[in-house]
Amino acid sequence: MSKNQKSTLTSWRTITFFSILFVALFAALIGWPRVAKTQQDQTTQKKQQMPTIEEYQPKSTLITREHKVERAKFPFIDIHSHHWNPTAGEVDQLVKEMDTINLRVMVNLSGGTVSGCSAPWRR
């Protein structure tokens, strides 16, 4: 093979290589906006399928025996309660309910009082 033929062959290889590279880049540039739009549409669909915090109602998978605690083992204090101007009868009823659950002290943050009774209410 002569030197001139090698040069021509190398030139054709170079031209072919760069032509293929150009076509591949051109195809990528043409197709890229479609791919980006498709990904954006999928993201939008996922966001639309996501429930709001109000709609989110997960189902528990915990399986165990139920044990309702109706009375605290030890006396406890409720430091945040609201009772607006309770009557003496309402206070008596509240104290009875407090006794049933072992609630020892309740702090009324509404500012209401009963004559002769100061907050917090005690048994």
PDB file of N, CA and C in Angstrom:
ATOM      1  N   MET A   1       0.842  -1.155   0.000  1.00  0.00           N
ATOM      2  CA  MET A   1       0.000   0.000   0.000  1.00  0.00           C
ATOM      3  C   MET A   1       0.894   1.227   0.000  1.00  0.00           C
ATOM      4  N   SER A   2       0.539   2.162  -0.801  1.00  0.00           N
ATOM      5  CA  SER A   2       1.379   3.364  -0.914  1.00  0.00           C
ATOM      6  C   SER A   2       1.025   4.333   0.213  1.00  0.00           C
ATOM      7  N   LYS A   3       1.886   5.290   0.368  1.00  0.00           N
ATOM      8  CA  LYS A   3       1.712   6.285   1.413  1.00  0.00           C
ATOM      9  C   LYS A   3       0.455   7.107   1.149  1.00  0.00           C
ATOM     10  N   ASN A   4       0.155   7.375  -0.075  1.00  0.00           N
ATOM     11  CA  ASN A   4      -1.011   8.160  -0.461  1.00  0.00           C
ATOM     12  C   ASN A   4      -2.293   7.389  -0.135  1.00  0.00           C
ATOM     13  N   GLN A   5      -2.288   6.063  -0.369  1.00  0.00           N
ATOM     14  CA  GLN A   5      -3.465   5.247  -0.081  1.00  0.00           C
ATOM     15  C   GLN A   5      -3.714   5.163   1.437  1.00  0.00           C
ATOM     16  N   LYS A   6      -2.646   5.059   2.230  1.00  0.00           N
ATOM     17  CA  LYS A   6      -2.783   5.051   3.689  1.00  0.00           C
ATOM     18  C   LYS A   6      -3.361   6.353   4.179  1.00  0.00           C
ATOM     19  N   SER A   7      -2.946   7.440   3.635  1.00  0.00           N
ATOM     20  CA  SER A   7      -3.439   8.757   4.022  1.00  0.00           C
ATOM     21  C   SER A   7      -4.913   8.888   3.702  1.00  0.00           C
ATOM     22  N   THR A   8      -5.324   8.390   2.512  1.00  0.00           N
ATOM     23  CA  THR A   8      -6.719   8.457   2.111  1.00  0.00           C
ATOM     24  C   THR A   8      -7.566   7.570   3.010  1.00  0.00           C
ATOM     25  N   LEU A   9      -7.074   6.369   3.334  1.00  0.00           N
ATOM     26  CA  LEU A   9      -7.789   5.448   4.197  1.00  0.00           C
ATOM     27  C   LEU A   9      -7.953   6.026   5.599  1.00  0.00           C
ATOM     28  N   THR A  10      -6.909   6.637   6.108  1.00  0.00           N
ATOM     29  CA  THR A  10      -6.966   7.262   7.429  1.00  0.00           C
ATOM     30  C   THR A  10      -7.950   8.419   7.413  1.00  0.00           C
ATOM     31  N   SER A  11      -7.957   9.183   6.336  1.00  0.00           N
ATOM     32  CA  SER A  11      -8.895  10.299   6.215  1.00  0.00           C
ATOM     33  C   SER A  11     -10.328   9.791   6.231  1.00  0.00           C
ATOM     34  N   TRP A  12     -10.606   8.685   5.499  1.00  0.00           N
ATOM     35  CA  TRP A  12     -11.963   8.140   5.468  1.00  0.00           C
ATOM     36  C   TRP A  12     -12.380   7.610   6.834  1.00  0.00           C
ATOM     37  N   ARG A  13     -11.476   6.982   7.529  1.00  0.00           N
ATOM     38  CA  ARG A  13     -11.774   6.500   8.874  1.00  0.00           C
ATOM     39  C   ARG A  13     -12.100   7.672   9.805  1.00  0.00           C
ATOM     40  N   THR A  14     -11.301   8.713   9.711  1.00  0.00           N
ATOM     41  CA  THR A  14     -11.528   9.902  10.538  1.00  0.00           C
ATOM     42  C   THR A  14     -12.866  10.537  10.204  1.00  0.00           C
ATOM     43  N   ILE A  15     -13.149  10.683   8.923  1.00  0.00           N
ATOM     44  CA  ILE A  15     -14.415  11.284   8.496  1.00  0.00           C
ATOM     45  C   ILE A  15     -15.586  10.423   8.958  1.00  0.00           C
ATOM     46  N   THR A  16     -15.466   9.105   8.797  1.00  0.00           N
ATOM     47  CA  THR A  16     -16.532   8.195   9.220  1.00  0.00           C
ATOM     48  C   THR A  16     -16.739   8.277  10.729  1.00  0.00           C
ATOM     49  N   PHE A  17     -15.648   8.265  11.490  1.00  0.00           N
ATOM     50  CA  PHE A  17     -15.732   8.346  12.938  1.00  0.00           C
ATOM     51  C   PHE A  17     -16.445   9.627  13.380  1.00  0.00           C
ATOM     52  N   PHE A  18     -15.998  10.759  12.847  1.00  0.00           N
ATOM     53  CA  PHE A  18     -16.603  12.035  13.237  1.00  0.00           C
ATOM     54  C   PHE A  18     -18.043  12.164  12.730  1.00  0.00           C
ATOM     55  N   SER A  19     -18.337  11.548  11.607  1.00  0.00           N
ATOM     56  CA  SER A  19     -19.714  11.565  11.099  1.00  0.00           C
ATOM     57  C   SER A  19     -20.634  10.797  12.038  1.00  0.00           C
ATOM     58  N   ILE A  20     -20.186   9.619  12.443  1.00  0.00           N
ATOM     59  CA  ILE A  20     -20.987   8.815  13.379  1.00  0.00           C
ATOM     60  C   ILE A  20     -21.139   9.548  14.710  1.00  0.00           C
ATOM     61  N   LEU A  21     -20.042  10.139  15.175  1.00  0.00           N
ATOM     62  CA  LEU A  21     -20.081  10.904  16.420  1.00  0.00           C
ATOM     63  C   LEU A  21     -21.051  12.081  16.306  1.00  0.00           C
ATOM     64  N   PHE A  22     -21.015  12.795  15.191  1.00  0.00           N
ATOM     65  CA  PHE A  22     -21.908  13.932  14.958  1.00  0.00           C
ATOM     66  C   PHE A  22     -23.367  13.490  14.938  1.00  0.00           C
ATOM     67  N   VAL A  23     -23.650  12.396  14.223  1.00  0.00           N
ATOM     68  CA  VAL A  23     -25.027  11.887  14.145  1.00  0.00           C
ATOM     69  C   VAL A  23     -25.512  11.465  15.544  1.00  0.00           C
ATOM     70  N   ALA A  24     -24.661  10.803  16.318  1.00  0.00           N
ATOM     71  CA  ALA A  24     -25.037  10.366  17.668  1.00  0.00           C
ATOM     72  C   ALA A  24     -25.322  11.568  18.564  1.00  0.00           C
ATOM     73  N   LEU A  25     -24.461  12.582  18.496  1.00  0.00           N
ATOM     74  CA  LEU A  25     -24.682  13.784  19.302  1.00  0.00           C
ATOM     75  C   LEU A  25     -25.953  14.513  18.872  1.00  0.00           C
ATOM     76  N   PHE A  26     -26.170  14.597  17.560  1.00  0.00           N
ATOM     77  CA  PHE A  26     -27.359  15.253  17.042  1.00  0.00           C
ATOM     78  C   PHE A  26     -28.621  14.524  17.506  1.00  0.00           C
ATOM     79  N   ALA A  27     -28.594  13.201  17.447  1.00  0.00           N
ATOM     80  CA  ALA A  27     -29.743  12.401  17.886  1.00  0.00           C
ATOM     81  C   ALA A  27     -29.979  12.582  19.389  1.00  0.00           C
ATOM     82  N   ALA A  28     -28.895  12.643  20.149  1.00  0.00           N
ATOM     83  CA  ALA A  28     -29.028  12.838  21.596  1.00  0.00           C
ATOM     84  C   ALA A  28     -29.628  14.200  21.897  1.00  0.00           C
ATOM     85  N   LEU A  29     -29.175  15.227  21.172  1.00  0.00           N
ATOM     86  CA  LEU A  29     -29.707  16.571  21.393  1.00  0.00           C
ATOM     87  C   LEU A  29     -31.163  16.681  20.978  1.00  0.00           C
ATOM     88  N   ILE A  30     -31.544  15.975  19.941  1.00  0.00           N
ATOM     89  CA  ILE A  30     -32.932  15.992  19.489  1.00  0.00           C
ATOM     90  C   ILE A  30     -33.812  15.225  20.484  1.00  0.00           C
ATOM     91  N   GLY A  31     -33.344  14.090  20.978  1.00  0.00           N
ATOM     92  CA  GLY A  31     -34.138  13.237  21.866  1.00  0.00           C
ATOM     93  C   GLY A  31     -34.136  13.669  23.317  1.00  0.00           C
ATOM     94  N   TRP A  32     -33.147  14.459  23.745  1.00  0.00           N
ATOM     95  CA  TRP A  32     -33.023  14.839  25.149  1.00  0.00           C
ATOM     96  C   TRP A  32     -34.247  15.585  25.680  1.00  0.00           C
ATOM     97  N   PRO A  33     -34.797  16.574  24.975  1.00  0.00           N
ATOM     98  CA  PRO A  33     -35.981  17.249  25.531  1.00  0.00           C
ATOM     99  C   PRO A  33     -37.161  16.299  25.749  1.00  0.00           C
ATOM    100  N   ARG A  34     -37.325  15.298  24.877  1.00  0.00           N
ATOM    101  CA  ARG A  34     -38.417  14.329  25.061  1.00  0.00           C
ATOM    102  C   ARG A  34     -38.207  13.511  26.326  1.00  0.00           C
ATOM    103  N   VAL A  35     -36.978  13.071  26.542  1.00  0.00           N
ATOM    104  CA  VAL A  35     -36.668  12.278  27.731  1.00  0.00           C
ATOM    105  C   VAL A  35     -36.911  13.116  28.980  1.00  0.00           C
ATOM    106  N   ALA A  36     -36.452  14.371  28.956  1.00  0.00           N
ATOM    107  CA  ALA A  36     -36.650  15.249  30.103  1.00  0.00           C
ATOM    108  C   ALA A  36     -38.133  15.484  30.350  1.00  0.00           C
ATOM    109  N   LYS A  37     -38.911  15.689  29.294  1.00  0.00           N
ATOM    110  CA  LYS A  37     -40.353  15.912  29.429  1.00  0.00           C
ATOM    111  C   LYS A  37     -41.034  14.664  29.982  1.00  0.00           C
ATOM    112  N   THR A  38     -40.642  13.492  29.519  1.00  0.00           N
ATOM    113  CA  THR A  38     -41.219  12.240  30.005  1.00  0.00           C
ATOM    114  C   THR A  38     -40.932  12.072  31.496  1.00  0.00           C
ATOM    115  N   GLN A  39     -39.696  12.342  31.907  1.00  0.00           N
ATOM    116  CA  GLN A  39     -39.346  12.238  33.320  1.00  0.00           C
ATOM    117  C   GLN A  39     -40.131  13.251  34.146  1.00  0.00           C
ATOM    118  N   GLN A  40     -40.307  14.447  33.616  1.00  0.00           N
ATOM    119  CA  GLN A  40     -41.068  15.482  34.314  1.00  0.00           C
ATOM    120  C   GLN A  40     -42.528  15.048  34.450  1.00  0.00           C
ATOM    121  N   ASP A  41     -43.100  14.472  33.394  1.00  0.00           N
ATOM    122  CA  ASP A  41     -44.477  14.000  33.452  1.00  0.00           C
ATOM    123  C   ASP A  41     -44.640  12.889  34.486  1.00  0.00           C
ATOM    124  N   GLN A  42     -43.668  11.979  34.545  1.00  0.00           N
ATOM    125  CA  GLN A  42     -43.732  10.898  35.529  1.00  0.00           C
ATOM    126  C   GLN A  42     -43.653  11.458  36.943  1.00  0.00           C
ATOM    127  N   THR A  43     -42.797  12.455  37.164  1.00  0.00           N
ATOM    128  CA  THR A  43     -42.677  13.084  38.473  1.00  0.00           C
ATOM    129  C   THR A  43     -43.981  13.772  38.841  1.00  0.00           C
ATOM    130  N   THR A  44     -44.597  14.457  37.880  1.00  0.00           N
ATOM    131  CA  THR A  44     -45.869  15.131  38.124  1.00  0.00           C
ATOM    132  C   THR A  44     -46.944  14.118  38.476  1.00  0.00           C
ATOM    133  N   GLN A  45     -46.978  12.984  37.780  1.00  0.00           N
ATOM    134  CA  GLN A  45     -47.968  11.956  38.072  1.00  0.00           C
ATOM    135  C   GLN A  45     -47.778  11.395  39.480  1.00  0.00           C
ATOM    136  N   LYS A  46     -46.520  11.188  39.878  1.00  0.00           N
ATOM    137  CA  LYS A  46     -46.250  10.678  41.218  1.00  0.00           C
ATOM    138  C   LYS A  46     -46.715  11.682  42.263  1.00  0.00           C
ATOM    139  N   LYS A  47     -46.475  12.979  42.028  1.00  0.00           N
ATOM    140  CA  LYS A  47     -46.902  13.999  42.966  1.00  0.00           C
ATOM    141  C   LYS A  47     -48.424  14.042  43.052  1.00  0.00           C
ATOM    142  N   GLN A  48     -49.101  13.853  41.940  1.00  0.00           N
ATOM    143  CA  GLN A  48     -50.553  13.878  41.946  1.00  0.00           C
ATOM    144  C   GLN A  48     -51.114  12.654  42.662  1.00  0.00           C
ATOM    145  N   GLN A  49     -50.394  11.546  42.641  1.00  0.00           N
ATOM    146  CA  GLN A  49     -50.859  10.329  43.281  1.00  0.00           C
ATOM    147  C   GLN A  49     -50.591  10.338  44.781  1.00  0.00           C
ATOM    148  N   MET A  50     -49.702  11.208  45.247  1.00  0.00           N
ATOM    149  CA  MET A  50     -49.377  11.271  46.665  1.00  0.00           C
ATOM    150  C   MET A  50     -50.557  11.859  47.427  1.00  0.00           C
ATOM    151  N   PRO A  51     -51.019  11.198  48.484  1.00  0.00           N
ATOM    152  CA  PRO A  51     -52.130  11.752  49.259  1.00  0.00           C
ATOM    153  C   PRO A  51     -51.658  12.917  50.121  1.00  0.00           C
ATOM    154  N   THR A  52     -52.589  13.790  50.433  1.00  0.00           N
ATOM    155  CA  THR A  52     -52.272  14.880  51.350  1.00  0.00           C
ATOM    156  C   THR A  52     -52.180  14.316  52.757  1.00  0.00           C
ATOM    157  N   ILE A  53     -51.722  15.120  53.693  1.00  0.00           N
ATOM    158  CA  ILE A  53     -51.585  14.648  55.070  1.00  0.00           C
ATOM    159  C   ILE A  53     -52.952  14.299  55.654  1.00  0.00           C
ATOM    160  N   GLU A  54     -54.001  14.994  55.193  1.00  0.00           N
ATOM    161  CA  GLU A  54     -55.349  14.688  55.680  1.00  0.00           C
ATOM    162  C   GLU A  54     -55.862  13.372  55.085  1.00  0.00           C
ATOM    163  N   GLU A  55     -55.474  13.079  53.858  1.00  0.00           N
ATOM    164  CA  GLU A  55     -55.933  11.869  53.180  1.00  0.00           C
ATOM    165  C   GLU A  55     -55.145  10.622  53.591  1.00  0.00           C
ATOM    166  N   TYR A  56     -53.940  10.828  54.123  1.00  0.00           N
ATOM    167  CA  TYR A  56     -53.058   9.705  54.437  1.00  0.00           C
ATOM    168  C   TYR A  56     -53.607   8.922  55.623  1.00  0.00           C
ATOM    169  N   GLN A  57     -54.017   7.706  55.389  1.00  0.00           N
ATOM    170  CA  GLN A  57     -54.569   6.841  56.426  1.00  0.00           C
ATOM    171  C   GLN A  57     -53.878   5.479  56.352  1.00  0.00           C
ATOM    172  N   PRO A  58     -52.665   5.375  56.911  1.00  0.00           N
ATOM    173  CA  PRO A  58     -51.954   4.095  56.814  1.00  0.00           C
ATOM    174  C   PRO A  58     -52.657   3.011  57.627  1.00  0.00           C
ATOM    175  N   LYS A  59     -52.579   1.817  57.143  1.00  0.00           N
ATOM    176  CA  LYS A  59     -53.161   0.668  57.831  1.00  0.00           C
ATOM    177  C   LYS A  59     -52.078   0.006  58.679  1.00  0.00           C
ATOM    178  N   SER A  60     -52.367  -0.196  59.932  1.00  0.00           N
ATOM    179  CA  SER A  60     -51.402  -0.816  60.830  1.00  0.00           C
ATOM    180  C   SER A  60     -51.240  -2.291  60.490  1.00  0.00           C
ATOM    181  N   THR A  61     -50.016  -2.755  60.516  1.00  0.00           N
ATOM    182  CA  THR A  61     -49.751  -4.172  60.293  1.00  0.00           C
ATOM    183  C   THR A  61     -49.399  -4.873  61.603  1.00  0.00           C
ATOM    184  N   LEU A  62     -49.463  -4.131  62.711  1.00  0.00           N
ATOM    185  CA  LEU A  62     -49.158  -4.694  64.021  1.00  0.00           C
ATOM    186  C   LEU A  62     -50.285  -5.619  64.461  1.00  0.00           C
ATOM    187  N   ILE A  63     -49.927  -6.809  64.844  1.00  0.00           N
ATOM    188  CA  ILE A  63     -50.912  -7.773  65.330  1.00  0.00           C
ATOM    189  C   ILE A  63     -50.511  -8.144  66.757  1.00  0.00           C
ATOM    190  N   THR A  64     -51.356  -7.776  67.699  1.00  0.00           N
ATOM    191  CA  THR A  64     -51.069  -8.044  69.099  1.00  0.00           C
ATOM    192  C   THR A  64     -52.376  -8.069  69.877  1.00  0.00           C
ATOM    193  N   ARG A  65     -52.332  -8.612  71.054  1.00  0.00           N
ATOM    194  CA  ARG A  65     -53.521  -8.589  71.908  1.00  0.00           C
ATOM    195  C   ARG A  65     -53.741  -7.167  72.393  1.00  0.00           C
ATOM    196  N   GLU A  66     -54.993  -6.764  72.458  1.00  0.00           N
ATOM    197  CA  GLU A  66     -55.319  -5.415  72.901  1.00  0.00           C
ATOM    198  C   GLU A  66     -55.431  -5.395  74.416  1.00  0.00           C
ATOM    199  N   HIS A  67     -54.842  -4.365  75.016  1.00  0.00           N
ATOM    200  CA  HIS A  67     -54.919  -4.202  76.460  1.00  0.00           C
ATOM    201  C   HIS A  67     -55.198  -2.735  76.731  1.00  0.00           C
ATOM    202  N   LYS A  68     -56.451  -2.421  76.984  1.00  0.00           N
ATOM    203  CA  LYS A  68     -56.827  -1.033  77.249  1.00  0.00           C
ATOM    204  C   LYS A  68     -56.523  -0.703  78.706  1.00  0.00           C
ATOM    205  N   VAL A  69     -55.781   0.384  78.893  1.00  0.00           N
ATOM    206  CA  VAL A  69     -55.480   0.857  80.236  1.00  0.00           C
ATOM    207  C   VAL A  69     -56.539   1.897  80.584  1.00  0.00           C
ATOM    208  N   GLU A  70     -57.359   1.587  81.588  1.00  0.00           N
ATOM    209  CA  GLU A  70     -58.446   2.494  81.947  1.00  0.00           C
ATOM    210  C   GLU A  70     -58.115   3.317  83.183  1.00  0.00           C
ATOM    211  N   ARG A  71     -57.080   2.920  83.909  1.00  0.00           N
ATOM    212  CA  ARG A  71     -56.679   3.668  85.100  1.00  0.00           C
ATOM    213  C   ARG A  71     -55.156   3.625  85.184  1.00  0.00           C
ATOM    214  N   ALA A  72     -54.561   4.788  85.427  1.00  0.00           N
ATOM    215  CA  ALA A  72     -53.108   4.864  85.537  1.00  0.00           C
ATOM    216  C   ALA A  72     -52.637   4.107  86.775  1.00  0.00           C
ATOM    217  N   LYS A  73     -51.515   3.446  86.647  1.00  0.00           N
ATOM    218  CA  LYS A  73     -50.972   2.686  87.769  1.00  0.00           C
ATOM    219  C   LYS A  73     -50.548   3.620  88.899  1.00  0.00           C
ATOM    220  N   PHE A  74     -50.009   4.785  88.532  1.00  0.00           N
ATOM    221  CA  PHE A  74     -49.560   5.773  89.512  1.00  0.00           C
ATOM    222  C   PHE A  74     -50.328   7.077  89.293  1.00  0.00           C
ATOM    223  N   PRO A  75     -50.546   7.860  90.335  1.00  0.00           N
ATOM    224  CA  PRO A  75     -51.225   9.146  90.168  1.00  0.00           C
ATOM    225  C   PRO A  75     -50.422  10.050  89.229  1.00  0.00           C
ATOM    226  N   PHE A  76     -51.127  10.837  88.412  1.00  0.00           N
ATOM    227  CA  PHE A  76     -50.430  11.718  87.472  1.00  0.00           C
ATOM    228  C   PHE A  76     -51.065  13.105  87.487  1.00  0.00           C
ATOM    229  N   ILE A  77     -50.401  14.061  86.831  1.00  0.00           N
ATOM    230  CA  ILE A  77     -50.825  15.460  86.790  1.00  0.00           C
ATOM    231  C   ILE A  77     -51.106  15.845  85.347  1.00  0.00           C
ATOM    232  N   ASP A  78     -52.243  16.489  85.108  1.00  0.00           N
ATOM    233  CA  ASP A  78     -52.569  17.073  83.800  1.00  0.00           C
ATOM    234  C   ASP A  78     -52.230  18.550  83.894  1.00  0.00           C
ATOM    235  N   ILE A  79     -51.163  18.970  83.200  1.00  0.00           N
ATOM    236  CA  ILE A  79     -50.698  20.357  83.334  1.00  0.00           C
ATOM    237  C   ILE A  79     -51.309  21.298  82.308  1.00  0.00           C
ATOM    238  N   HIS A  80     -52.190  20.794  81.438  1.00  0.00           N
ATOM    239  CA  HIS A  80     -52.777  21.655  80.408  1.00  0.00           C
ATOM    240  C   HIS A  80     -54.226  21.261  80.178  1.00  0.00           C
ATOM    241  N   SER A  81     -55.113  22.004  80.798  1.00  0.00           N
ATOM    242  CA  SER A  81     -56.531  21.713  80.679  1.00  0.00           C
ATOM    243  C   SER A  81     -57.293  23.025  80.522  1.00  0.00           C
ATOM    244  N   HIS A  82     -58.449  22.971  79.870  1.00  0.00           N
ATOM    245  CA  HIS A  82     -59.269  24.172  79.693  1.00  0.00           C
ATOM    246  C   HIS A  82     -60.691  23.883  80.144  1.00  0.00           C
ATOM    247  N   HIS A  83     -61.156  24.625  81.129  1.00  0.00           N
ATOM    248  CA  HIS A  83     -62.525  24.526  81.629  1.00  0.00           C
ATOM    249  C   HIS A  83     -62.986  25.958  81.890  1.00  0.00           C
ATOM    250  N   TRP A  84     -63.845  26.471  81.051  1.00  0.00           N
ATOM    251  CA  TRP A  84     -64.281  27.865  81.135  1.00  0.00           C
ATOM    252  C   TRP A  84     -65.400  28.011  82.160  1.00  0.00           C
ATOM    253  N   ASN A  85     -65.102  28.699  83.231  1.00  0.00           N
ATOM    254  CA  ASN A  85     -66.064  29.025  84.294  1.00  0.00           C
ATOM    255  C   ASN A  85     -66.961  27.847  84.663  1.00  0.00           C
ATOM    256  N   PRO A  86     -66.386  26.787  85.192  1.00  0.00           N
ATOM    257  CA  PRO A  86     -67.203  25.621  85.560  1.00  0.00           C
ATOM    258  C   PRO A  86     -68.034  25.916  86.812  1.00  0.00           C
ATOM    259  N   THR A  87     -69.176  25.293  86.870  1.00  0.00           N
ATOM    260  CA  THR A  87     -70.013  25.408  88.066  1.00  0.00           C
ATOM    261  C   THR A  87     -69.486  24.429  89.110  1.00  0.00           C
ATOM    262  N   ALA A  88     -69.982  24.579  90.330  1.00  0.00           N
ATOM    263  CA  ALA A  88     -69.548  23.681  91.406  1.00  0.00           C
ATOM    264  C   ALA A  88     -69.907  22.236  91.071  1.00  0.00           C
ATOM    265  N   GLY A  89     -71.077  22.029  90.458  1.00  0.00           N
ATOM    266  CA  GLY A  89     -71.482  20.679  90.076  1.00  0.00           C
ATOM    267  C   GLY A  89     -70.563  20.088  89.011  1.00  0.00           C
ATOM    268  N   GLU A  90     -70.153  20.922  88.060  1.00  0.00           N
ATOM    269  CA  GLU A  90     -69.229  20.455  87.012  1.00  0.00           C
ATOM    270  C   GLU A  90     -67.876  20.094  87.609  1.00  0.00           C
ATOM    271  N   VAL A  91     -67.438  20.876  88.590  1.00  0.00           N
ATOM    272  CA  VAL A  91     -66.157  20.576  89.247  1.00  0.00           C
ATOM    273  C   VAL A  91     -66.262  19.258  89.997  1.00  0.00           C
ATOM    274  N   ASP A  92     -67.367  19.040  90.707  1.00  0.00           N
ATOM    275  CA  ASP A  92     -67.558  17.774  91.426  1.00  0.00           C
ATOM    276  C   ASP A  92     -67.533  16.588  90.456  1.00  0.00           C
ATOM    277  N   GLN A  93     -68.221  16.723  89.308  1.00  0.00           N
ATOM    278  CA  GLN A  93     -68.237  15.660  88.299  1.00  0.00           C
ATOM    279  C   GLN A  93     -66.829  15.422  87.745  1.00  0.00           C
ATOM    280  N   LEU A  94     -66.096  16.511  87.501  1.00  0.00           N
ATOM    281  CA  LEU A  94     -64.727  16.417  86.978  1.00  0.00           C
ATOM    282  C   LEU A  94     -63.824  15.694  87.970  1.00  0.00           C
ATOM    283  N   VAL A  95     -63.963  16.012  89.255  1.00  0.00           N
ATOM    284  CA  VAL A  95     -63.139  15.355  90.281  1.00  0.00           C
ATOM    285  C   VAL A  95     -63.450  13.863  90.334  1.00  0.00           C
ATOM    286  N   LYS A  96     -64.729  13.477  90.195  1.00  0.00           N
ATOM    287  CA  LYS A  96     -65.090  12.050  90.170  1.00  0.00           C
ATOM    288  C   LYS A  96     -64.437  11.355  88.973  1.00  0.00           C
ATOM    289  N   GLU A  97     -64.465  12.016  87.803  1.00  0.00           N
ATOM    290  CA  GLU A  97     -63.837  11.445  86.608  1.00  0.00           C
ATOM    291  C   GLU A  97     -62.326  11.351  86.783  1.00  0.00           C
ATOM    292  N   MET A  98     -61.730  12.354  87.451  1.00  0.00           N
ATOM    293  CA  MET A  98     -60.293  12.330  87.718  1.00  0.00           C
ATOM    294  C   MET A  98     -59.946  11.118  88.583  1.00  0.00           C
ATOM    295  N   ASP A  99     -60.783  10.842  89.582  1.00  0.00           N
ATOM    296  CA  ASP A  99     -60.531   9.699  90.471  1.00  0.00           C
ATOM    297  C   ASP A  99     -60.581   8.374  89.718  1.00  0.00           C
ATOM    298  N   THR A 100     -61.461   8.261  88.719  1.00  0.00           N
ATOM    299  CA  THR A 100     -61.588   6.986  88.009  1.00  0.00           C
ATOM    300  C   THR A 100     -60.341   6.645  87.195  1.00  0.00           C
ATOM    301  N   ILE A 101     -59.592   7.653  86.772  1.00  0.00           N
ATOM    302  CA  ILE A 101     -58.384   7.371  85.966  1.00  0.00           C
ATOM    303  C   ILE A 101     -57.085   7.618  86.736  1.00  0.00           C
ATOM    304  N   ASN A 102     -57.205   7.957  88.050  1.00  0.00           N
ATOM    305  CA  ASN A 102     -56.064   8.217  88.921  1.00  0.00           C
ATOM    306  C   ASN A 102     -55.344   9.519  88.582  1.00  0.00           C
ATOM    307  N   LEU A 103     -56.105  10.496  88.116  1.00  0.00           N
ATOM    308  CA  LEU A 103     -55.569  11.833  87.834  1.00  0.00           C
ATOM    309  C   LEU A 103     -55.615  12.625  89.132  1.00  0.00           C
ATOM    310  N   ARG A 104     -54.442  12.981  89.674  1.00  0.00           N
ATOM    311  CA  ARG A 104     -54.371  13.606  90.997  1.00  0.00           C
ATOM    312  C   ARG A 104     -54.568  15.119  90.926  1.00  0.00           C
ATOM    313  N   VAL A 105     -53.918  15.813  89.963  1.00  0.00           N
ATOM    314  CA  VAL A 105     -53.976  17.273  89.882  1.00  0.00           C
ATOM    315  C   VAL A 105     -54.227  17.671  88.435  1.00  0.00           C
ATOM    316  N   MET A 106     -55.086  18.685  88.249  1.00  0.00           N
ATOM    317  CA  MET A 106     -55.356  19.208  86.909  1.00  0.00           C
ATOM    318  C   MET A 106     -55.191  20.721  86.957  1.00  0.00           C
ATOM    319  N   VAL A 107     -54.396  21.280  86.041  1.00  0.00           N
ATOM    320  CA  VAL A 107     -54.173  22.715  85.976  1.00  0.00           C
ATOM    321  C   VAL A 107     -55.089  23.291  84.909  1.00  0.00           C
ATOM    322  N   ASN A 108     -55.975  24.225  85.328  1.00  0.00           N
ATOM    323  CA  ASN A 108     -56.913  24.862  84.410  1.00  0.00           C
ATOM    324  C   ASN A 108     -56.252  26.118  83.844  1.00  0.00           C
ATOM    325  N   LEU A 109     -56.020  26.135  82.547  1.00  0.00           N
ATOM    326  CA  LEU A 109     -55.354  27.275  81.915  1.00  0.00           C
ATOM    327  C   LEU A 109     -56.328  28.263  81.295  1.00  0.00           C
ATOM    328  N   SER A 110     -57.606  28.099  81.537  1.00  0.00           N
ATOM    329  CA  SER A 110     -58.598  29.002  80.956  1.00  0.00           C
ATOM    330  C   SER A 110     -58.878  30.197  81.842  1.00  0.00           C
ATOM    331  N   GLY A 111     -58.411  30.176  83.066  1.00  0.00           N
ATOM    332  CA  GLY A 111     -58.628  31.310  83.948  1.00  0.00           C
ATOM    333  C   GLY A 111     -59.921  31.236  84.729  1.00  0.00           C
ATOM    334  N   GLY A 112     -60.716  30.230  84.488  1.00  0.00           N
ATOM    335  CA  GLY A 112     -61.971  30.108  85.223  1.00  0.00           C
ATOM    336  C   GLY A 112     -61.736  29.576  86.613  1.00  0.00           C
ATOM    337  N   THR A 113     -62.501  30.069  87.583  1.00  0.00           N
ATOM    338  CA  THR A 113     -62.392  29.589  88.961  1.00  0.00           C
ATOM    339  C   THR A 113     -63.779  29.379  89.536  1.00  0.00           C
ATOM    340  N   VAL A 114     -63.831  28.647  90.586  1.00  0.00           N
ATOM    341  CA  VAL A 114     -65.051  28.464  91.359  1.00  0.00           C
ATOM    342  C   VAL A 114     -64.794  29.156  92.687  1.00  0.00           C
ATOM    343  N   SER A 115     -65.794  29.856  93.214  1.00  0.00           N
ATOM    344  CA  SER A 115     -65.575  30.590  94.464  1.00  0.00           C
ATOM    345  C   SER A 115     -65.059  29.640  95.543  1.00  0.00           C
ATOM    346  N   GLY A 116     -64.020  30.084  96.223  1.00  0.00           N
ATOM    347  CA  GLY A 116     -63.428  29.267  97.258  1.00  0.00           C
ATOM    348  C   GLY A 116     -62.514  28.177  96.765  1.00  0.00           C
ATOM    349  N   CYS A 117     -62.271  28.147  95.484  1.00  0.00           N
ATOM    350  CA  CYS A 117     -61.409  27.118  94.901  1.00  0.00           C
ATOM    351  C   CYS A 117     -60.357  27.809  94.071  1.00  0.00           C
ATOM    352  N   SER A 118     -59.125  27.466  94.281  1.00  0.00           N
ATOM    353  CA  SER A 118     -58.058  28.081  93.486  1.00  0.00           C
ATOM    354  C   SER A 118     -57.477  27.057  92.540  1.00  0.00           C
ATOM    355  N   ALA A 119     -56.979  27.533  91.410  1.00  0.00           N
ATOM    356  CA  ALA A 119     -56.346  26.620  90.459  1.00  0.00           C
ATOM    357  C   ALA A 119     -54.957  26.287  90.995  1.00  0.00           C
ATOM    358  N   PRO A 120     -54.403  25.155  90.855  1.00  0.00           N
ATOM    359  CA  PRO A 120     -54.998  23.982  90.219  1.00  0.00           C
ATOM    360  C   PRO A 120     -55.981  23.283  91.153  1.00  0.00           C
ATOM    361  N   TRP A 121     -56.894  22.548  90.549  1.00  0.00           N
ATOM    362  CA  TRP A 121     -57.869  21.786  91.328  1.00  0.00           C
ATOM    363  C   TRP A 121     -57.211  20.560  91.885  1.00  0.00           C
ATOM    364  N   ARG A 122     -57.542  20.252  93.112  1.00  0.00           N
ATOM    365  CA  ARG A 122     -56.965  19.077  93.763  1.00  0.00           C
ATOM    366  C   ARG A 122     -58.080  18.256  94.376  1.00  0.00           C
ATOM    367  N   ARG A 123     -57.790  16.958  94.522  1.00  0.00           N
ATOM    368  CA  ARG A 123     -58.751  16.101  95.206  1.00  0.00           C
ATOM    369  C   ARG A 123     -58.636  16.336  96.677  1.00  0.00           C
TER     370      ARG A 123
END
